[in-house]
Amino acid sequence: MARNIDGVLLLTPVVSIPERELIVWENPALAERIRTGIAEAQAGRTVDLGDFTGYANDTDEGEPGGSISATFCHPGPGNAGLARR
């Protein structure tokens, strides 16, 4: 917010982005990969990777309570295939 010479308040629009999502806004290539993945999922191009409930109690190093997720990316330039976090 600012005030001009006539005393009128000028409001500046602001967008709040959670810190964990900031990397997507700063990395256009990552944003495009996410959009591609969403489009593929909406089109039904998905692969069932099975049941991961057996890993529910596993923790990732440095993450209290951690979690395990798996994502399948269709093979292509820059795609790693199955990614385990």
C-alpha atoms as a PDB file:
ATOM      1  CA  MET A   1       0.000   0.000   0.000  1.00  0.00           C
ATOM      2  CA  ALA A   2       1.211   3.486  -0.784  1.00  0.00           C
ATOM      3  CA  ARG A   3      -0.181   6.987  -0.586  1.00  0.00           C
ATOM      4  CA  ASN A   4       0.194   9.361  -3.519  1.00  0.00           C
ATOM      5  CA  ILE A   5       0.851  13.105  -3.271  1.00  0.00           C
ATOM      6  CA  ASP A   6      -2.902  13.824  -3.054  1.00  0.00           C
ATOM      7  CA  GLY A   7      -3.284  11.463  -0.097  1.00  0.00           C
ATOM      8  CA  VAL A   8      -5.027   8.747  -2.104  1.00  0.00           C
ATOM      9  CA  LEU A   9      -4.203   5.232  -0.972  1.00  0.00           C
ATOM     10  CA  LEU A  10      -2.846   3.027  -3.739  1.00  0.00           C
ATOM     11  CA  LEU A  11      -3.278  -0.701  -3.258  1.00  0.00           C
ATOM     12  CA  THR A  12      -0.824  -3.124  -4.832  1.00  0.00           C
ATOM     13  CA  PRO A  13      -2.249  -6.531  -5.831  1.00  0.00           C
ATOM     14  CA  VAL A  14      -0.447  -9.422  -4.146  1.00  0.00           C
ATOM     15  CA  VAL A  15      -0.590 -13.168  -4.730  1.00  0.00           C
ATOM     16  CA  SER A  16       0.261 -15.545  -1.920  1.00  0.00           C
ATOM     17  CA  ILE A  17       1.995 -18.779  -2.971  1.00  0.00           C
ATOM     18  CA  PRO A  18       2.831 -21.483  -0.407  1.00  0.00           C
ATOM     19  CA  GLU A  19       6.607 -21.932  -0.120  1.00  0.00           C
ATOM     20  CA  ARG A  20       6.379 -25.621  -1.048  1.00  0.00           C
ATOM     21  CA  GLU A  21       4.789 -24.615  -4.405  1.00  0.00           C
ATOM     22  CA  LEU A  22       7.182 -21.768  -5.197  1.00  0.00           C
ATOM     23  CA  ILE A  23       9.570 -24.044  -7.129  1.00  0.00           C
ATOM     24  CA  VAL A  24       6.843 -24.649  -9.723  1.00  0.00           C
ATOM     25  CA  TRP A  25       6.433 -20.901 -10.301  1.00  0.00           C
ATOM     26  CA  GLU A  26      10.191 -20.418 -10.581  1.00  0.00           C
ATOM     27  CA  ASN A  27      10.774 -23.359 -12.936  1.00  0.00           C
ATOM     28  CA  PRO A  28       8.739 -23.184 -16.181  1.00  0.00           C
ATOM     29  CA  ALA A  29       9.940 -26.632 -17.323  1.00  0.00           C
ATOM     30  CA  LEU A  30       8.658 -28.215 -14.102  1.00  0.00           C
ATOM     31  CA  ALA A  31       5.338 -26.388 -14.454  1.00  0.00           C
ATOM     32  CA  GLU A  32       4.975 -27.757 -17.999  1.00  0.00           C
ATOM     33  CA  ARG A  33       5.715 -31.327 -16.825  1.00  0.00           C
ATOM     34  CA  ILE A  34       3.010 -30.970 -14.174  1.00  0.00           C
ATOM     35  CA  ARG A  35       0.504 -29.632 -16.722  1.00  0.00           C
ATOM     36  CA  THR A  36       1.366 -32.539 -19.045  1.00  0.00           C
ATOM     37  CA  GLY A  37       0.877 -35.052 -16.234  1.00  0.00           C
ATOM     38  CA  ILE A  38      -2.482 -33.560 -15.303  1.00  0.00           C
ATOM     39  CA  ALA A  39      -3.604 -33.651 -18.946  1.00  0.00           C
ATOM     40  CA  GLU A  40      -2.515 -37.297 -19.256  1.00  0.00           C
ATOM     41  CA  ALA A  41      -4.387 -38.224 -16.080  1.00  0.00           C
ATOM     42  CA  GLN A  42      -7.530 -36.423 -17.269  1.00  0.00           C
ATOM     43  CA  ALA A  43      -7.307 -38.308 -20.571  1.00  0.00           C
ATOM     44  CA  GLY A  44      -7.102 -41.614 -18.689  1.00  0.00           C
ATOM     45  CA  ARG A  45      -3.486 -42.328 -19.623  1.00  0.00           C
ATOM     46  CA  THR A  46      -2.486 -43.696 -16.228  1.00  0.00           C
ATOM     47  CA  VAL A  47      -0.780 -46.838 -14.968  1.00  0.00           C
ATOM     48  CA  ASP A  48      -1.813 -48.647 -11.780  1.00  0.00           C
ATOM     49  CA  LEU A  49       1.349 -49.120  -9.725  1.00  0.00           C
ATOM     50  CA  GLY A  50      -0.337 -51.337  -7.170  1.00  0.00           C
ATOM     51  CA  ASP A  51      -0.985 -51.030  -3.459  1.00  0.00           C
ATOM     52  CA  PHE A  52       1.533 -49.000  -1.445  1.00  0.00           C
ATOM     53  CA  THR A  53      -0.177 -49.336   1.937  1.00  0.00           C
ATOM     54  CA  GLY A  54       2.587 -51.720   3.005  1.00  0.00           C
ATOM     55  CA  TYR A  55       4.891 -48.715   3.097  1.00  0.00           C
ATOM     56  CA  ALA A  56       2.576 -46.573   5.229  1.00  0.00           C
ATOM     57  CA  ASN A  57       4.856 -46.762   8.276  1.00  0.00           C
ATOM     58  CA  ASP A  58       8.107 -46.095   6.392  1.00  0.00           C
ATOM     59  CA  THR A  59       9.704 -42.698   6.825  1.00  0.00           C
ATOM     60  CA  ASP A  60      11.977 -40.770   4.514  1.00  0.00           C
ATOM     61  CA  GLU A  61      15.259 -39.605   5.985  1.00  0.00           C
ATOM     62  CA  GLY A  62      14.888 -36.172   7.523  1.00  0.00           C
ATOM     63  CA  GLU A  63      11.080 -36.203   7.324  1.00  0.00           C
ATOM     64  CA  PRO A  64       9.257 -36.981  10.548  1.00  0.00           C
ATOM     65  CA  GLY A  65       6.373 -39.284   9.770  1.00  0.00           C
ATOM     66  CA  GLY A  66       7.469 -39.285   6.102  1.00  0.00           C
ATOM     67  CA  SER A  67       5.447 -40.686   3.276  1.00  0.00           C
ATOM     68  CA  ILE A  68       5.940 -42.743   0.176  1.00  0.00           C
ATOM     69  CA  SER A  69       4.403 -41.847  -3.112  1.00  0.00           C
ATOM     70  CA  ALA A  70       4.968 -43.156  -6.591  1.00  0.00           C
ATOM     71  CA  THR A  71       4.407 -41.412  -9.864  1.00  0.00           C
ATOM     72  CA  PHE A  72       4.607 -42.933 -13.307  1.00  0.00           C
ATOM     73  CA  CYS A  73       5.782 -40.657 -16.092  1.00  0.00           C
ATOM     74  CA  HIS A  74       5.453 -41.907 -19.623  1.00  0.00           C
ATOM     75  CA  PRO A  75       8.944 -42.504 -21.023  1.00  0.00           C
ATOM     76  CA  GLY A  76      10.328 -39.572 -22.902  1.00  0.00           C
ATOM     77  CA  PRO A  77      13.073 -36.966 -22.855  1.00  0.00           C
ATOM     78  CA  GLY A  78      13.789 -35.857 -19.308  1.00  0.00           C
ATOM     79  CA  ASN A  79      11.335 -38.282 -17.687  1.00  0.00           C
ATOM     80  CA  ALA A  80      12.700 -40.602 -15.072  1.00  0.00           C
ATOM     81  CA  GLY A  81       9.932 -43.204 -15.303  1.00  0.00           C
ATOM     82  CA  LEU A  82       8.996 -44.360 -11.821  1.00  0.00           C
ATOM     83  CA  ALA A  83       9.991 -41.861  -9.153  1.00  0.00           C
ATOM     84  CA  ARG A  84       9.914 -42.827  -5.482  1.00  0.00           C
ATOM     85  CA  ARG A  85       9.976 -40.082  -2.883  1.00  0.00           C
END
